[in-house]
C-alpha atoms as a PDB file:
ATOM      1  CA  MET A   1      -0.041  -0.134  -0.076  1.00  0.00           C
ATOM      2  CA  GLY A   2       1.244   3.467  -0.944  1.00  0.00           C
ATOM      3  CA  THR A   3       1.096   6.161   1.491  1.00  0.00           C
ATOM      4  CA  TYR A   4      -2.263   7.857   1.217  1.00  0.00           C
ATOM      5  CA  GLY A   5      -5.371   5.663   0.454  1.00  0.00           C
ATOM      6  CA  GLN A   6      -8.960   7.311  -1.542  1.00  0.00           C
ATOM      7  CA  ILE A   7     -11.474   5.905  -1.211  1.00  0.00           C
ATOM      8  CA  PHE A   8     -14.044   7.883  -3.720  1.00  0.00           C
ATOM      9  CA  ILE A   9     -17.686   7.173  -3.012  1.00  0.00           C
ATOM     10  CA  ASP A  10     -21.030   8.657  -5.072  1.00  0.00           C
ATOM     11  CA  SER A  11     -23.360   8.246  -2.616  1.00  0.00           C
ATOM     12  CA  ASP A  12     -26.382   9.643  -4.717  1.00  0.00           C
ATOM     13  CA  ASN A  13     -25.567   6.930  -7.772  1.00  0.00           C
ATOM     14  CA  ASN A  14     -25.758  10.135  -9.745  1.00  0.00           C
ATOM     15  CA  SER A  15     -23.286  10.897 -12.421  1.00  0.00           C
ATOM     16  CA  THR A  16     -24.153  14.094 -13.189  1.00  0.00           C
ATOM     17  CA  THR A  17     -23.085  15.979  -9.302  1.00  0.00           C
ATOM     18  CA  GLY A  18     -20.333  15.462  -7.816  1.00  0.00           C
ATOM     19  CA  TYR A  19     -15.896  15.453  -8.831  1.00  0.00           C
ATOM     20  CA  ILE A  20     -15.813  13.744 -12.318  1.00  0.00           C
ATOM     21  CA  ASP A  21     -12.529  11.745 -12.516  1.00  0.00           C
ATOM     22  CA  GLY A  22     -11.338  10.715 -15.685  1.00  0.00           C
ATOM     23  CA  THR A  23      -9.961   7.793 -14.773  1.00  0.00           C
ATOM     24  CA  TRP A  24     -13.616   6.058 -14.319  1.00  0.00           C
ATOM     25  CA  THR A  25     -16.138   6.436 -16.761  1.00  0.00           C
ATOM     26  CA  THR A  26     -19.784   8.675 -16.032  1.00  0.00           C
ATOM     27  CA  THR A  27     -18.677   9.161 -12.376  1.00  0.00           C
ATOM     28  CA  GLY A  28     -20.287  11.554 -10.206  1.00  0.00           C
ATOM     29  CA  ILE A  29     -18.392  11.597  -6.780  1.00  0.00           C
ATOM     30  CA  ASP A  30     -19.527  13.222  -4.142  1.00  0.00           C
ATOM     31  CA  TYR A  31     -17.364  11.948  -1.404  1.00  0.00           C
ATOM     32  CA  MET A  32     -13.584  11.078  -0.477  1.00  0.00           C
ATOM     33  CA  ILE A  33     -11.636   9.355   2.549  1.00  0.00           C
ATOM     34  CA  GLU A  34      -8.438  10.950   2.250  1.00  0.00           C
ATOM     35  CA  ASN A  35      -6.249  10.259   5.318  1.00  0.00           C
ATOM     36  CA  ARG A  36      -8.781   9.655   7.541  1.00  0.00           C
ATOM     37  CA  ASN A  37     -10.641  13.062   6.546  1.00  0.00           C
ATOM     38  CA  LEU A  38     -14.057  12.901   4.893  1.00  0.00           C
ATOM     39  CA  ASN A  39     -14.223  15.049   1.728  1.00  0.00           C
ATOM     40  CA  SER A  40     -17.197  16.534  -0.688  1.00  0.00           C
ATOM     41  CA  HIS A  41     -17.122  17.658  -3.734  1.00  0.00           C
ATOM     42  CA  LEU A  42     -20.385  20.143  -4.208  1.00  0.00           C
ATOM     43  CA  VAL A  43     -19.927  21.036  -7.462  1.00  0.00           C
ATOM     44  CA  HIS A  44     -20.101  19.256 -11.033  1.00  0.00           C
ATOM     45  CA  ASP A  45     -16.731  19.558 -12.186  1.00  0.00           C
ATOM     46  CA  ASN A  46     -13.684  17.932 -12.760  1.00  0.00           C
ATOM     47  CA  SER A  47     -11.288  20.195  -9.976  1.00  0.00           C
ATOM     48  CA  TRP A  48      -9.566  19.363  -7.158  1.00  0.00           C
ATOM     49  CA  LYS A  49     -11.882  21.051  -5.017  1.00  0.00           C
ATOM     50  CA  TRP A  50     -12.986  19.363  -1.711  1.00  0.00           C
ATOM     51  CA  THR A  51     -14.449  20.959   1.662  1.00  0.00           C
ATOM     52  CA  GLY A  52     -13.679  19.651   4.796  1.00  0.00           C
ATOM     53  CA  LEU A  53     -15.965  17.730   6.620  1.00  0.00           C
ATOM     54  CA  GLY A  54     -13.573  16.380   9.383  1.00  0.00           C
ATOM     55  CA  THR A  55     -12.837  13.040  10.863  1.00  0.00           C
ATOM     56  CA  THR A  56     -15.807  12.624  13.124  1.00  0.00           C
ATOM     57  CA  ASN A  57     -17.825  10.282  10.678  1.00  0.00           C
ATOM     58  CA  VAL A  58     -15.231   8.369   9.759  1.00  0.00           C
ATOM     59  CA  SER A  59     -12.628   5.294  11.288  1.00  0.00           C
ATOM     60  CA  VAL A  60      -9.618   4.040   8.641  1.00  0.00           C
ATOM     61  CA  SER A  61      -7.939   1.040   9.229  1.00  0.00           C
ATOM     62  CA  ASN A  62      -5.034   0.051   7.179  1.00  0.00           C
ATOM     63  CA  ASN A  63      -1.730  -2.002   6.527  1.00  0.00           C
ATOM     64  CA  THR A  64       0.594  -2.454   4.364  1.00  0.00           C
ATOM     65  CA  THR A  65      -2.242  -5.000   2.484  1.00  0.00           C
ATOM     66  CA  VAL A  66      -5.485  -3.694   3.585  1.00  0.00           C
ATOM     67  CA  TYR A  67      -7.815  -0.442   3.704  1.00  0.00           C
ATOM     68  CA  GLU A  68     -10.522  -0.437   5.553  1.00  0.00           C
ATOM     69  CA  ALA A  69     -13.157   2.876   6.204  1.00  0.00           C
ATOM     70  CA  ARG A  70     -16.117   3.313   7.474  1.00  0.00           C
ATOM     71  CA  VAL A  71     -18.700   6.656   7.474  1.00  0.00           C
ATOM     72  CA  ALA A  72     -20.948   7.092   9.350  1.00  0.00           C
ATOM     73  CA  LYS A  73     -24.704   7.399   6.763  1.00  0.00           C
ATOM     74  CA  THR A  74     -26.178  10.794   8.028  1.00  0.00           C
ATOM     75  CA  ALA A  75     -22.809  12.343   7.514  1.00  0.00           C
ATOM     76  CA  LEU A  76     -23.110  11.245   3.279  1.00  0.00           C
ATOM     77  CA  SER A  77     -26.623  13.761   2.327  1.00  0.00           C
ATOM     78  CA  GLY A  78     -28.252  12.508  -0.704  1.00  0.00           C
ATOM     79  CA  LEU A  79     -27.577   9.074  -0.197  1.00  0.00           C
ATOM     80  CA  SER A  80     -29.279   6.447  -1.975  1.00  0.00           C
ATOM     81  CA  THR A  81     -29.619   3.162  -1.566  1.00  0.00           C
ATOM     82  CA  SER A  82     -27.619   2.085  -4.048  1.00  0.00           C
ATOM     83  CA  ILE A  83     -24.059   3.977  -4.108  1.00  0.00           C
ATOM     84  CA  LYS A  84     -20.613   3.686  -6.124  1.00  0.00           C
ATOM     85  CA  VAL A  85     -17.289   3.489  -4.213  1.00  0.00           C
ATOM     86  CA  GLY A  86     -13.697   3.544  -5.768  1.00  0.00           C
ATOM     87  CA  PHE A  87     -10.756   3.660  -3.849  1.00  0.00           C
ATOM     88  CA  LYS A  88      -6.877   4.704  -4.997  1.00  0.00           C
ATOM     89  CA  ASP A  89      -3.874   3.435  -3.777  1.00  0.00           C
ATOM     90  CA  VAL A  90      -1.470   6.976  -3.573  1.00  0.00           C
ATOM     91  CA  ASN A  91       2.013   7.535  -3.226  1.00  0.00           C
ATOM     92  CA  SER A  92       4.101   9.941  -1.494  1.00  0.00           C
ATOM     93  CA  SER A  93       4.968  11.391  -4.711  1.00  0.00           C
ATOM     94  CA  TRP A  94       0.994  11.570  -5.118  1.00  0.00           C
ATOM     95  CA  ASN A  95       0.904   9.394  -8.183  1.00  0.00           C
ATOM     96  CA  THR A  96      -1.561   6.444  -8.357  1.00  0.00           C
ATOM     97  CA  VAL A  97       0.391   3.189  -6.974  1.00  0.00           C
ATOM     98  CA  CYS A  98      -3.606   1.222  -7.640  1.00  0.00           C
ATOM     99  CA  MET A  99      -7.170   1.649  -8.059  1.00  0.00           C
ATOM    100  CA  LEU A 100      -9.700  -0.516  -8.118  1.00  0.00           C
ATOM    101  CA  SER A 101     -11.564  -1.180 -10.614  1.00  0.00           C
ATOM    102  CA  ALA A 102      -8.766  -0.528 -12.342  1.00  0.00           C
ATOM    103  CA  SER A 103     -10.800   1.170 -15.612  1.00  0.00           C
ATOM    104  CA  GLY A 104     -14.565   1.489 -16.919  1.00  0.00           C
ATOM    105  CA  VAL A 105     -17.431   2.481 -14.585  1.00  0.00           C
ATOM    106  CA  LEU A 106     -17.414   2.270 -10.460  1.00  0.00           C
ATOM    107  CA  PRO A 107     -19.181  -0.764  -8.694  1.00  0.00           C
ATOM    108  CA  VAL A 108     -22.394  -0.285  -7.197  1.00  0.00           C
ATOM    109  CA  TYR A 109     -23.505  -1.609  -3.885  1.00  0.00           C
ATOM    110  CA  THR A 110     -27.043  -1.194  -2.463  1.00  0.00           C
ATOM    111  CA  LEU A 111     -27.748  -0.045   1.171  1.00  0.00           C
ATOM    112  CA  LYS A 112     -29.407  -1.457   3.831  1.00  0.00           C
END
């Protein structure tokens, strides 16, 4: 694992809102967890302009092979019953080491 883990969440399952990441197709990423901080992206564009929401609603556990994060559902506004999630492992030079999914669309998860 690299220095930084980034979890990207399309909380409303809507590709016309949120951050546009050229790595994946049809993204509308509303939240990112990075360095144990929850961040939101308020506009629909590809600018790296995230609003920090702090660490209160986030817990992260990671080691050399695993990166796990939890975020309170109440911290994600406009939460749909289906969300998309992606992950990037980033080194200290901010270069992507690996990512899930490696290409294409972000996988969809159904919330209970």
